[in-house]
Amino acid sequence: MRLRELGEFGLISKLRTFAGEGLLAAVGEDAAVFDVEGARLLLTADLLVEGVHFRREYTTPELLGGKALAVNLSDLAACGAVPLIYTVSLVVSPEEEWSFIEGLYRGMTSQGERYGARLGGGDISRGETLTISVALLGRAPEGKVVLRGGASEGDLLYVSGWLGEAALGLELLRRGEGEGPFVRRHLLPSPRLELGRELASRGLATAMIDLSDGLLQDMGHLLSESGKGAVVDLDRLPVSEALRLEAHRLGLDPLDLALAGGEDYELLFSSRPELEGEVEALSRELSLPLTAIGRVTGAELVLLRHGQRYRFEGSGGYDHLR
């Protein structure tokens, strides 16, 4: 079977059989989780490949470096962890300019200083396609980690922030409009580390995932790992009026951007209904919208729009192998 037929997530499912023993979480989670002498540590890795994840004409070396680290930081946020040390491995052409690489690392270290992550080293190999591979080590304060598989029937489903803005930013870049807040959301996401940490430490989240491949696809991962379904009210999705207006100008569907646009790097989490007041209080404390969009069930995923069952005809999210 070719990987094109298997798909990215089918491949990940098969790779689970190779996961090491004795880990608290491994293949299929946002990070591997393990204990070392009483400390609960997490390890995650992501890579950016030129022509797949980014185009140079859309960004700067500093912004690209910042994003390379941010997408890893978001994985730790989804577990409620804090970052410690990261390494960077590059595949780079010998003809590359030092000024570009210097800017790349300036962006990474600036992002790392903001969130408490320190550069520890890495590796370099020659190649014609620029590839930036980051591995990030973090820890779980007080040993509290939130994984994807803890949602229970009756839990409320929440999403942080606003959806679809990074996808709209990418579309603006494709159309030659390279400025504004939506473009910024795409070029340099803000990992929700503080939110993830507070949700974990206060015991407010039963399951959590960051939104990298689109709400619909990532929600499917959380529900699959939990062995549950959900009823989701699409009328409650947090889509800003500014996005609606801009999407209308460009002839785009705001719902498609919110459900399948990807690269929001917000957090989707489930929480027990009796904790609703505490979640609302945390939202006010962090000045960050936390919107209840549905409820976990024991059956399949059901989408509602205007009170009726709705079948989404869009892409459903990003898959690297399809």
C-alpha atoms as a PDB file:
ATOM      1  CA  MET A   1       0.000   0.000   0.000  1.00  0.00           C
ATOM      2  CA  ARG A   2       1.369   3.392  -0.970  1.00  0.00           C
ATOM      3  CA  LEU A   3       1.495   6.146   1.629  1.00  0.00           C
ATOM      4  CA  ARG A   4      -0.821   8.224  -0.565  1.00  0.00           C
ATOM      5  CA  GLU A   5      -3.522   5.602   0.007  1.00  0.00           C
ATOM      6  CA  LEU A   6      -2.712   5.216   3.686  1.00  0.00           C
ATOM      7  CA  GLY A   7      -2.679   8.930   4.453  1.00  0.00           C
ATOM      8  CA  GLU A   8      -0.722  10.781   7.132  1.00  0.00           C
ATOM      9  CA  PHE A   9      -2.898   9.634  10.020  1.00  0.00           C
ATOM     10  CA  GLY A  10      -3.186   6.089   8.776  1.00  0.00           C
ATOM     11  CA  LEU A  11       0.610   5.976   8.746  1.00  0.00           C
ATOM     12  CA  ILE A  12       0.760   7.369  12.289  1.00  0.00           C
ATOM     13  CA  SER A  13      -1.681   4.683  13.413  1.00  0.00           C
ATOM     14  CA  LYS A  14       0.556   1.948  12.009  1.00  0.00           C
ATOM     15  CA  LEU A  15       3.647   3.483  13.613  1.00  0.00           C
ATOM     16  CA  ARG A  16       2.084   3.101  17.061  1.00  0.00           C
ATOM     17  CA  THR A  17       3.255  -0.521  17.081  1.00  0.00           C
ATOM     18  CA  PHE A  18       6.866   0.718  17.224  1.00  0.00           C
ATOM     19  CA  ALA A  19       6.380   2.983  20.265  1.00  0.00           C
ATOM     20  CA  GLY A  20       8.708   2.307  23.169  1.00  0.00           C
ATOM     21  CA  GLU A  21       7.533   0.615  26.338  1.00  0.00           C
ATOM     22  CA  GLY A  22       7.228   2.381  29.667  1.00  0.00           C
ATOM     23  CA  LEU A  23       6.119   5.746  28.251  1.00  0.00           C
ATOM     24  CA  LEU A  24       3.063   7.464  29.673  1.00  0.00           C
ATOM     25  CA  ALA A  25       2.156   8.726  26.185  1.00  0.00           C
ATOM     26  CA  ALA A  26       3.786   8.245  22.803  1.00  0.00           C
ATOM     27  CA  VAL A  27       2.895   8.045  19.087  1.00  0.00           C
ATOM     28  CA  GLY A  28      -0.412   9.761  18.358  1.00  0.00           C
ATOM     29  CA  GLU A  29      -0.204  12.369  21.123  1.00  0.00           C
ATOM     30  CA  ASP A  30       1.024  15.958  20.894  1.00  0.00           C
ATOM     31  CA  ALA A  31       4.141  14.923  22.835  1.00  0.00           C
ATOM     32  CA  ALA A  32       5.790  11.853  24.316  1.00  0.00           C
ATOM     33  CA  VAL A  33       5.431  11.807  28.114  1.00  0.00           C
ATOM     34  CA  PHE A  34       7.805  10.029  30.484  1.00  0.00           C
ATOM     35  CA  ASP A  35       9.114  10.231  34.057  1.00  0.00           C
ATOM     36  CA  VAL A  36      12.768  10.710  34.981  1.00  0.00           C
ATOM     37  CA  GLU A  37      13.693  10.693  38.673  1.00  0.00           C
ATOM     38  CA  GLY A  38      10.386  12.166  39.768  1.00  0.00           C
ATOM     39  CA  ALA A  39      10.135  14.758  36.998  1.00  0.00           C
ATOM     40  CA  ARG A  40       7.443  14.389  34.342  1.00  0.00           C
ATOM     41  CA  LEU A  41       9.026  15.342  31.021  1.00  0.00           C
ATOM     42  CA  LEU A  42       7.622  15.793  27.524  1.00  0.00           C
ATOM     43  CA  LEU A  43       9.306  15.642  24.129  1.00  0.00           C
ATOM     44  CA  THR A  44       7.819  16.893  20.878  1.00  0.00           C
ATOM     45  CA  ALA A  45       9.135  17.490  17.367  1.00  0.00           C
ATOM     46  CA  ASP A  46       7.941  19.327  14.273  1.00  0.00           C
ATOM     47  CA  LEU A  47       9.534  20.291  10.999  1.00  0.00           C
ATOM     48  CA  LEU A  48       8.962  22.930   8.356  1.00  0.00           C
ATOM     49  CA  VAL A  49       9.834  22.129   4.737  1.00  0.00           C
ATOM     50  CA  GLU A  50      10.205  24.834   2.111  1.00  0.00           C
ATOM     51  CA  GLY A  51       7.501  24.551  -0.501  1.00  0.00           C
ATOM     52  CA  VAL A  52       5.291  22.510   1.836  1.00  0.00           C
ATOM     53  CA  HIS A  53       5.026  24.569   5.034  1.00  0.00           C
ATOM     54  CA  PHE A  54       6.333  27.930   3.893  1.00  0.00           C
ATOM     55  CA  ARG A  55       7.386  30.058   0.943  1.00  0.00           C
ATOM     56  CA  ARG A  56      10.213  32.519   1.381  1.00  0.00           C
ATOM     57  CA  GLU A  57       8.472  35.281  -0.533  1.00  0.00           C
ATOM     58  CA  TYR A  58       5.705  35.294   2.083  1.00  0.00           C
ATOM     59  CA  THR A  59       7.837  35.695   5.189  1.00  0.00           C
ATOM     60  CA  THR A  60      11.134  36.849   6.701  1.00  0.00           C
ATOM     61  CA  PRO A  61      13.873  34.697   8.250  1.00  0.00           C
ATOM     62  CA  GLU A  62      12.993  36.037  11.716  1.00  0.00           C
ATOM     63  CA  LEU A  63       9.296  35.256  11.385  1.00  0.00           C
ATOM     64  CA  LEU A  64      10.048  31.826   9.924  1.00  0.00           C
ATOM     65  CA  GLY A  65      12.368  30.985  12.807  1.00  0.00           C
ATOM     66  CA  GLY A  66       9.786  32.158  15.321  1.00  0.00           C
ATOM     67  CA  LYS A  67       7.107  29.994  13.730  1.00  0.00           C
ATOM     68  CA  ALA A  68       9.375  26.932  13.641  1.00  0.00           C
ATOM     69  CA  LEU A  69       9.608  27.078  17.418  1.00  0.00           C
ATOM     70  CA  ALA A  70       6.015  28.242  17.991  1.00  0.00           C
ATOM     71  CA  VAL A  71       4.463  25.146  16.428  1.00  0.00           C
ATOM     72  CA  ASN A  72       6.433  22.983  18.875  1.00  0.00           C
ATOM     73  CA  LEU A  73       5.533  25.222  21.801  1.00  0.00           C
ATOM     74  CA  SER A  74       1.885  24.766  20.863  1.00  0.00           C
ATOM     75  CA  ASP A  75       2.229  20.990  21.254  1.00  0.00           C
ATOM     76  CA  LEU A  76       3.453  21.477  24.821  1.00  0.00           C
ATOM     77  CA  ALA A  77       0.628  23.946  25.466  1.00  0.00           C
ATOM     78  CA  ALA A  78      -1.840  21.225  24.452  1.00  0.00           C
ATOM     79  CA  CYS A  79      -0.474  19.021  27.238  1.00  0.00           C
ATOM     80  CA  GLY A  80      -0.324  21.760  29.879  1.00  0.00           C
ATOM     81  CA  ALA A  81       3.487  21.704  29.933  1.00  0.00           C
ATOM     82  CA  VAL A  82       6.193  24.373  30.027  1.00  0.00           C
ATOM     83  CA  PRO A  83       9.202  24.408  27.651  1.00  0.00           C
ATOM     84  CA  LEU A  84      12.805  23.829  28.687  1.00  0.00           C
ATOM     85  CA  ILE A  85      15.317  23.173  25.891  1.00  0.00           C
ATOM     86  CA  TYR A  86      15.083  22.766  22.126  1.00  0.00           C
ATOM     87  CA  THR A  87      17.405  21.588  19.376  1.00  0.00           C
ATOM     88  CA  VAL A  88      17.337  22.591  15.718  1.00  0.00           C
ATOM     89  CA  SER A  89      18.374  20.410  12.779  1.00  0.00           C
ATOM     90  CA  LEU A  90      18.740  22.030   9.363  1.00  0.00           C
ATOM     91  CA  VAL A  91      18.875  20.681   5.842  1.00  0.00           C
ATOM     92  CA  VAL A  92      20.370  23.585   3.920  1.00  0.00           C
ATOM     93  CA  SER A  93      22.123  24.338   0.648  1.00  0.00           C
ATOM     94  CA  PRO A  94      25.827  25.301   0.788  1.00  0.00           C
ATOM     95  CA  GLU A  95      24.839  28.302  -1.343  1.00  0.00           C
ATOM     96  CA  GLU A  96      22.545  29.678   1.364  1.00  0.00           C
ATOM     97  CA  GLU A  97      23.439  33.113   2.739  1.00  0.00           C
ATOM     98  CA  TRP A  98      24.615  33.366   6.347  1.00  0.00           C
ATOM     99  CA  SER A  99      22.373  36.401   6.829  1.00  0.00           C
ATOM    100  CA  PHE A 100      19.302  34.214   6.223  1.00  0.00           C
ATOM    101  CA  ILE A 101      20.398  31.577   8.746  1.00  0.00           C
ATOM    102  CA  GLU A 102      21.309  34.265  11.264  1.00  0.00           C
ATOM    103  CA  GLY A 103      17.819  35.770  10.927  1.00  0.00           C
ATOM    104  CA  LEU A 104      16.253  32.334  11.305  1.00  0.00           C
ATOM    105  CA  TYR A 105      18.016  31.745  14.613  1.00  0.00           C
ATOM    106  CA  ARG A 106      17.329  35.272  15.814  1.00  0.00           C
ATOM    107  CA  GLY A 107      13.633  34.589  15.335  1.00  0.00           C
ATOM    108  CA  MET A 108      13.822  31.290  17.186  1.00  0.00           C
ATOM    109  CA  THR A 109      15.797  32.620  20.129  1.00  0.00           C
ATOM    110  CA  SER A 110      13.513  35.637  20.429  1.00  0.00           C
ATOM    111  CA  GLN A 111      10.490  33.346  20.563  1.00  0.00           C
ATOM    112  CA  GLY A 112      12.293  31.047  22.981  1.00  0.00           C
ATOM    113  CA  GLU A 113      13.169  33.879  25.355  1.00  0.00           C
ATOM    114  CA  ARG A 114       9.538  34.963  25.395  1.00  0.00           C
ATOM    115  CA  TYR A 115       8.336  31.556  26.551  1.00  0.00           C
ATOM    116  CA  GLY A 116      11.322  30.234  28.510  1.00  0.00           C
ATOM    117  CA  ALA A 117      12.795  27.808  25.945  1.00  0.00           C
ATOM    118  CA  ARG A 118      16.580  27.676  25.428  1.00  0.00           C
ATOM    119  CA  LEU A 119      18.512  26.531  22.383  1.00  0.00           C
ATOM    120  CA  GLY A 120      20.627  23.483  23.172  1.00  0.00           C
ATOM    121  CA  GLY A 121      22.167  22.470  19.844  1.00  0.00           C
ATOM    122  CA  GLY A 122      21.142  20.446  16.788  1.00  0.00           C
ATOM    123  CA  ASP A 123      22.526  19.149  13.507  1.00  0.00           C
ATOM    124  CA  ILE A 124      23.187  20.364   9.949  1.00  0.00           C
ATOM    125  CA  SER A 125      23.109  18.493   6.639  1.00  0.00           C
ATOM    126  CA  ARG A 126      23.356  19.672   3.053  1.00  0.00           C
ATOM    127  CA  GLY A 127      20.376  19.476   0.745  1.00  0.00           C
ATOM    128  CA  GLU A 128      18.548  21.541  -1.840  1.00  0.00           C
ATOM    129  CA  THR A 129      15.253  21.892   0.063  1.00  0.00           C
ATOM    130  CA  LEU A 130      15.496  23.999   3.205  1.00  0.00           C
ATOM    131  CA  THR A 131      14.119  21.976   6.122  1.00  0.00           C
ATOM    132  CA  ILE A 132      13.907  23.182   9.720  1.00  0.00           C
ATOM    133  CA  SER A 133      13.386  20.402  12.267  1.00  0.00           C
ATOM    134  CA  VAL A 134      12.886  21.360  15.911  1.00  0.00           C
ATOM    135  CA  ALA A 135      12.740  19.009  18.901  1.00  0.00           C
ATOM    136  CA  LEU A 136      11.528  20.520  22.173  1.00  0.00           C
ATOM    137  CA  LEU A 137      11.805  19.190  25.714  1.00  0.00           C
ATOM    138  CA  GLY A 138       9.369  20.371  28.363  1.00  0.00           C
ATOM    139  CA  ARG A 139       8.119  19.459  31.805  1.00  0.00           C
ATOM    140  CA  ALA A 140       4.747  19.158  33.459  1.00  0.00           C
ATOM    141  CA  PRO A 141       4.477  21.302  36.605  1.00  0.00           C
ATOM    142  CA  GLU A 142       3.379  19.112  39.529  1.00  0.00           C
ATOM    143  CA  GLY A 143       3.300  16.182  37.110  1.00  0.00           C
ATOM    144  CA  LYS A 144      -0.059  17.196  35.633  1.00  0.00           C
ATOM    145  CA  VAL A 145      -0.405  16.366  31.935  1.00  0.00           C
ATOM    146  CA  VAL A 146      -3.523  16.577  29.763  1.00  0.00           C
ATOM    147  CA  LEU A 147      -3.704  14.113  26.872  1.00  0.00           C
ATOM    148  CA  ARG A 148      -6.141  13.615  24.001  1.00  0.00           C
ATOM    149  CA  GLY A 149      -7.890  10.552  25.383  1.00  0.00           C
ATOM    150  CA  GLY A 150      -9.557  11.765  28.588  1.00  0.00           C
ATOM    151  CA  ALA A 151     -12.885  13.174  27.383  1.00  0.00           C
ATOM    152  CA  SER A 152     -16.019  11.692  28.974  1.00  0.00           C
ATOM    153  CA  GLU A 153     -19.627  11.663  27.850  1.00  0.00           C
ATOM    154  CA  GLY A 154     -21.301  14.893  28.960  1.00  0.00           C
ATOM    155  CA  ASP A 155     -18.123  16.984  28.945  1.00  0.00           C
ATOM    156  CA  LEU A 156     -18.325  20.384  27.308  1.00  0.00           C
ATOM    157  CA  LEU A 157     -16.087  21.099  24.304  1.00  0.00           C
ATOM    158  CA  TYR A 158     -14.320  24.461  24.306  1.00  0.00           C
ATOM    159  CA  VAL A 159     -12.080  26.247  21.840  1.00  0.00           C
ATOM    160  CA  SER A 160      -9.825  29.202  22.633  1.00  0.00           C
ATOM    161  CA  GLY A 161      -9.460  32.427  20.686  1.00  0.00           C
ATOM    162  CA  TRP A 162     -10.776  32.939  17.159  1.00  0.00           C
ATOM    163  CA  LEU A 163     -10.842  30.415  14.326  1.00  0.00           C
ATOM    164  CA  GLY A 164      -9.925  30.697  10.659  1.00  0.00           C
ATOM    165  CA  GLU A 165      -7.702  33.764  10.877  1.00  0.00           C
ATOM    166  CA  ALA A 166      -4.407  32.072  10.000  1.00  0.00           C
ATOM    167  CA  ALA A 167      -5.995  30.378   6.983  1.00  0.00           C
ATOM    168  CA  LEU A 168      -7.378  33.718   5.847  1.00  0.00           C
ATOM    169  CA  GLY A 169      -3.909  35.219   6.267  1.00  0.00           C
ATOM    170  CA  LEU A 170      -2.428  32.558   3.996  1.00  0.00           C
ATOM    171  CA  GLU A 171      -5.067  33.272   1.368  1.00  0.00           C
ATOM    172  CA  LEU A 172      -4.245  36.979   1.536  1.00  0.00           C
ATOM    173  CA  LEU A 173      -0.566  36.181   0.995  1.00  0.00           C
ATOM    174  CA  ARG A 174      -1.435  34.044  -2.013  1.00  0.00           C
ATOM    175  CA  ARG A 175      -3.300  37.005  -3.467  1.00  0.00           C
ATOM    176  CA  GLY A 176      -0.374  39.353  -2.958  1.00  0.00           C
ATOM    177  CA  GLU A 177      -1.735  41.126   0.140  1.00  0.00           C
ATOM    178  CA  GLY A 178       1.100  40.718   2.612  1.00  0.00           C
ATOM    179  CA  GLU A 179       0.108  42.830   5.603  1.00  0.00           C
ATOM    180  CA  GLY A 180      -2.439  42.994   8.406  1.00  0.00           C
ATOM    181  CA  PRO A 181      -3.470  40.988  11.491  1.00  0.00           C
ATOM    182  CA  PHE A 182      -4.631  37.898   9.587  1.00  0.00           C
ATOM    183  CA  VAL A 183      -1.304  37.608   7.778  1.00  0.00           C
ATOM    184  CA  ARG A 184       0.467  38.018  11.103  1.00  0.00           C
ATOM    185  CA  ARG A 185      -1.589  35.160  12.594  1.00  0.00           C
ATOM    186  CA  HIS A 186      -0.381  32.895   9.810  1.00  0.00           C
ATOM    187  CA  LEU A 187       3.271  33.932   9.856  1.00  0.00           C
ATOM    188  CA  LEU A 188       3.804  33.920  13.636  1.00  0.00           C
ATOM    189  CA  PRO A 189       1.230  32.028  15.728  1.00  0.00           C
ATOM    190  CA  SER A 190       0.934  32.603  19.478  1.00  0.00           C
ATOM    191  CA  PRO A 191       1.127  29.279  21.360  1.00  0.00           C
ATOM    192  CA  ARG A 192      -1.383  29.177  24.230  1.00  0.00           C
ATOM    193  CA  LEU A 193       1.132  28.042  26.849  1.00  0.00           C
ATOM    194  CA  GLU A 194      -0.356  30.001  29.734  1.00  0.00           C
ATOM    195  CA  LEU A 195      -3.839  28.734  28.985  1.00  0.00           C
ATOM    196  CA  GLY A 196      -2.680  25.123  28.683  1.00  0.00           C
ATOM    197  CA  ARG A 197      -0.732  25.341  31.921  1.00  0.00           C
ATOM    198  CA  GLU A 198      -3.677  26.822  33.843  1.00  0.00           C
ATOM    199  CA  LEU A 199      -6.150  24.291  32.461  1.00  0.00           C
ATOM    200  CA  ALA A 200      -3.853  21.449  33.533  1.00  0.00           C
ATOM    201  CA  SER A 201      -2.849  22.802  36.946  1.00  0.00           C
ATOM    202  CA  ARG A 202      -6.447  23.656  37.898  1.00  0.00           C
ATOM    203  CA  GLY A 203      -7.815  20.334  36.652  1.00  0.00           C
ATOM    204  CA  LEU A 204     -10.198  22.043  34.228  1.00  0.00           C
ATOM    205  CA  ALA A 205      -9.435  20.029  31.074  1.00  0.00           C
ATOM    206  CA  THR A 206     -10.116  16.318  30.695  1.00  0.00           C
ATOM    207  CA  ALA A 207      -8.625  16.140  27.162  1.00  0.00           C
ATOM    208  CA  MET A 208      -6.863  18.675  24.960  1.00  0.00           C
ATOM    209  CA  ILE A 209      -5.291  19.156  21.530  1.00  0.00           C
ATOM    210  CA  ASP A 210      -3.877  22.117  19.629  1.00  0.00           C
ATOM    211  CA  LEU A 211      -5.468  23.102  16.334  1.00  0.00           C
ATOM    212  CA  SER A 212      -2.857  22.750  13.609  1.00  0.00           C
ATOM    213  CA  ASP A 213      -4.690  20.831  10.856  1.00  0.00           C
ATOM    214  CA  GLY A 214      -8.137  22.407  11.206  1.00  0.00           C
ATOM    215  CA  LEU A 215     -10.817  22.213  13.889  1.00  0.00           C
ATOM    216  CA  LEU A 216     -12.757  19.380  12.278  1.00  0.00           C
ATOM    217  CA  GLN A 217      -9.752  17.116  11.795  1.00  0.00           C
ATOM    218  CA  ASP A 218      -8.121  17.813  15.156  1.00  0.00           C
ATOM    219  CA  MET A 219     -11.432  17.432  16.974  1.00  0.00           C
ATOM    220  CA  GLY A 220     -11.702  14.034  15.298  1.00  0.00           C
ATOM    221  CA  HIS A 221      -8.317  13.054  16.773  1.00  0.00           C
ATOM    222  CA  LEU A 222      -9.376  14.068  20.299  1.00  0.00           C
ATOM    223  CA  LEU A 223     -12.696  12.219  20.052  1.00  0.00           C
ATOM    224  CA  SER A 224     -11.078   9.143  18.502  1.00  0.00           C
ATOM    225  CA  GLU A 225      -8.460   8.896  21.243  1.00  0.00           C
ATOM    226  CA  SER A 226     -11.222   9.286  23.851  1.00  0.00           C
ATOM    227  CA  GLY A 227     -13.470   6.747  22.124  1.00  0.00           C
ATOM    228  CA  LYS A 228     -16.313   9.268  22.050  1.00  0.00           C
ATOM    229  CA  GLY A 229     -18.456  11.365  19.725  1.00  0.00           C
ATOM    230  CA  ALA A 230     -19.850  14.871  20.083  1.00  0.00           C
ATOM    231  CA  VAL A 231     -22.618  17.220  19.125  1.00  0.00           C
ATOM    232  CA  VAL A 232     -21.128  20.514  17.890  1.00  0.00           C
ATOM    233  CA  ASP A 233     -23.123  23.665  17.190  1.00  0.00           C
ATOM    234  CA  LEU A 234     -21.443  25.392  14.247  1.00  0.00           C
ATOM    235  CA  ASP A 235     -23.348  28.589  15.003  1.00  0.00           C
ATOM    236  CA  ARG A 236     -21.268  28.887  18.171  1.00  0.00           C
ATOM    237  CA  LEU A 237     -17.854  28.727  16.487  1.00  0.00           C
ATOM    238  CA  PRO A 238     -15.786  31.799  17.451  1.00  0.00           C
ATOM    239  CA  VAL A 239     -15.456  33.594  14.115  1.00  0.00           C
ATOM    240  CA  SER A 240     -14.763  37.320  14.301  1.00  0.00           C
ATOM    241  CA  GLU A 241     -16.820  39.878  12.446  1.00  0.00           C
ATOM    242  CA  ALA A 242     -13.598  41.160  10.892  1.00  0.00           C
ATOM    243  CA  LEU A 243     -12.949  37.717   9.407  1.00  0.00           C
ATOM    244  CA  ARG A 244     -16.510  37.472   8.087  1.00  0.00           C
ATOM    245  CA  LEU A 245     -16.188  40.808   6.316  1.00  0.00           C
ATOM    246  CA  GLU A 246     -12.783  40.008   4.837  1.00  0.00           C
ATOM    247  CA  ALA A 247     -13.862  36.536   3.757  1.00  0.00           C
ATOM    248  CA  HIS A 248     -16.897  38.044   2.032  1.00  0.00           C
ATOM    249  CA  ARG A 249     -14.633  40.488   0.174  1.00  0.00           C
ATOM    250  CA  LEU A 250     -12.480  37.609  -1.051  1.00  0.00           C
ATOM    251  CA  GLY A 251     -15.389  35.331  -1.909  1.00  0.00           C
ATOM    252  CA  LEU A 252     -14.505  32.800   0.797  1.00  0.00           C
ATOM    253  CA  ASP A 253     -16.748  30.866   3.199  1.00  0.00           C
ATOM    254  CA  PRO A 254     -16.003  31.795   6.859  1.00  0.00           C
ATOM    255  CA  LEU A 255     -17.260  28.379   7.997  1.00  0.00           C
ATOM    256  CA  ASP A 256     -14.795  26.588   5.710  1.00  0.00           C
ATOM    257  CA  LEU A 257     -11.952  28.700   7.114  1.00  0.00           C
ATOM    258  CA  ALA A 258     -13.006  27.979  10.706  1.00  0.00           C
ATOM    259  CA  LEU A 259     -13.549  24.237  10.286  1.00  0.00           C
ATOM    260  CA  ALA A 260     -10.744  23.248   7.940  1.00  0.00           C
ATOM    261  CA  GLY A 261      -8.407  26.212   7.451  1.00  0.00           C
ATOM    262  CA  GLY A 262      -5.716  24.985   9.840  1.00  0.00           C
ATOM    263  CA  GLU A 263      -2.767  26.603  11.626  1.00  0.00           C
ATOM    264  CA  ASP A 264      -4.923  28.363  14.224  1.00  0.00           C
ATOM    265  CA  TYR A 265      -2.761  26.929  17.043  1.00  0.00           C
ATOM    266  CA  GLU A 266      -5.624  27.520  19.447  1.00  0.00           C
ATOM    267  CA  LEU A 267      -6.538  24.875  22.032  1.00  0.00           C
ATOM    268  CA  LEU A 268      -9.541  22.583  21.839  1.00  0.00           C
ATOM    269  CA  PHE A 269     -10.364  20.961  25.180  1.00  0.00           C
ATOM    270  CA  SER A 270     -13.102  19.102  27.005  1.00  0.00           C
ATOM    271  CA  SER A 271     -14.186  19.974  30.535  1.00  0.00           C
ATOM    272  CA  ARG A 272     -16.685  18.649  33.044  1.00  0.00           C
ATOM    273  CA  PRO A 273     -19.943  20.640  32.926  1.00  0.00           C
ATOM    274  CA  GLU A 274     -19.852  21.454  36.637  1.00  0.00           C
ATOM    275  CA  LEU A 275     -16.609  23.396  36.015  1.00  0.00           C
ATOM    276  CA  GLU A 276     -18.202  25.739  33.483  1.00  0.00           C
ATOM    277  CA  GLY A 277     -18.055  28.697  35.885  1.00  0.00           C
ATOM    278  CA  GLU A 278     -14.346  28.134  36.535  1.00  0.00           C
ATOM    279  CA  VAL A 279     -13.614  27.981  32.809  1.00  0.00           C
ATOM    280  CA  GLU A 280     -15.485  31.251  32.309  1.00  0.00           C
ATOM    281  CA  ALA A 281     -13.502  32.812  35.177  1.00  0.00           C
ATOM    282  CA  LEU A 282     -10.216  31.696  33.579  1.00  0.00           C
ATOM    283  CA  SER A 283     -11.324  33.223  30.281  1.00  0.00           C
ATOM    284  CA  ARG A 284     -11.830  36.570  32.013  1.00  0.00           C
ATOM    285  CA  GLU A 285      -8.548  36.233  33.913  1.00  0.00           C
ATOM    286  CA  LEU A 286      -6.534  35.656  30.736  1.00  0.00           C
ATOM    287  CA  SER A 287      -8.624  38.056  28.606  1.00  0.00           C
ATOM    288  CA  LEU A 288      -8.971  35.204  26.110  1.00  0.00           C
ATOM    289  CA  PRO A 289     -12.271  33.906  24.690  1.00  0.00           C
ATOM    290  CA  LEU A 290     -13.012  30.305  25.668  1.00  0.00           C
ATOM    291  CA  THR A 291     -16.117  29.295  23.746  1.00  0.00           C
ATOM    292  CA  ALA A 292     -18.231  26.220  24.456  1.00  0.00           C
ATOM    293  CA  ILE A 293     -19.040  24.810  21.009  1.00  0.00           C
ATOM    294  CA  GLY A 294     -20.547  21.444  21.883  1.00  0.00           C
ATOM    295  CA  ARG A 295     -20.819  18.457  24.165  1.00  0.00           C
ATOM    296  CA  VAL A 296     -19.103  15.051  24.191  1.00  0.00           C
ATOM    297  CA  THR A 297     -21.398  12.079  23.534  1.00  0.00           C
ATOM    298  CA  GLY A 298     -21.017   8.340  23.335  1.00  0.00           C
ATOM    299  CA  ALA A 299     -21.843   8.220  19.625  1.00  0.00           C
ATOM    300  CA  GLU A 300     -20.573   9.727  16.386  1.00  0.00           C
ATOM    301  CA  LEU A 301     -19.704  13.348  15.679  1.00  0.00           C
ATOM    302  CA  VAL A 302     -22.825  15.337  14.785  1.00  0.00           C
ATOM    303  CA  LEU A 303     -22.602  18.865  13.367  1.00  0.00           C
ATOM    304  CA  LEU A 304     -25.545  21.219  13.806  1.00  0.00           C
ATOM    305  CA  ARG A 305     -26.247  24.420  11.892  1.00  0.00           C
ATOM    306  CA  HIS A 306     -29.320  26.539  12.552  1.00  0.00           C
ATOM    307  CA  GLY A 307     -30.550  23.705  14.754  1.00  0.00           C
ATOM    308  CA  GLN A 308     -30.401  21.082  11.992  1.00  0.00           C
ATOM    309  CA  ARG A 309     -27.925  18.326  11.178  1.00  0.00           C
ATOM    310  CA  TYR A 310     -25.283  19.633   8.815  1.00  0.00           C
ATOM    311  CA  ARG A 311     -22.947  17.788   6.451  1.00  0.00           C
ATOM    312  CA  PHE A 312     -19.706  19.642   5.825  1.00  0.00           C
ATOM    313  CA  GLU A 313     -18.607  19.290   2.207  1.00  0.00           C
ATOM    314  CA  GLY A 314     -15.183  20.924   2.598  1.00  0.00           C
ATOM    315  CA  SER A 315     -11.760  19.315   2.802  1.00  0.00           C
ATOM    316  CA  GLY A 316     -11.967  18.356   6.468  1.00  0.00           C
ATOM    317  CA  GLY A 317      -8.394  19.444   7.216  1.00  0.00           C
ATOM    318  CA  TYR A 318      -4.811  18.977   6.066  1.00  0.00           C
ATOM    319  CA  ASP A 319      -3.136  15.624   5.363  1.00  0.00           C
ATOM    320  CA  HIS A 320       0.526  15.708   4.254  1.00  0.00           C
ATOM    321  CA  LEU A 321       0.313  12.475   2.264  1.00  0.00           C
ATOM    322  CA  ARG A 322      -2.921  13.114   0.350  1.00  0.00           C
END
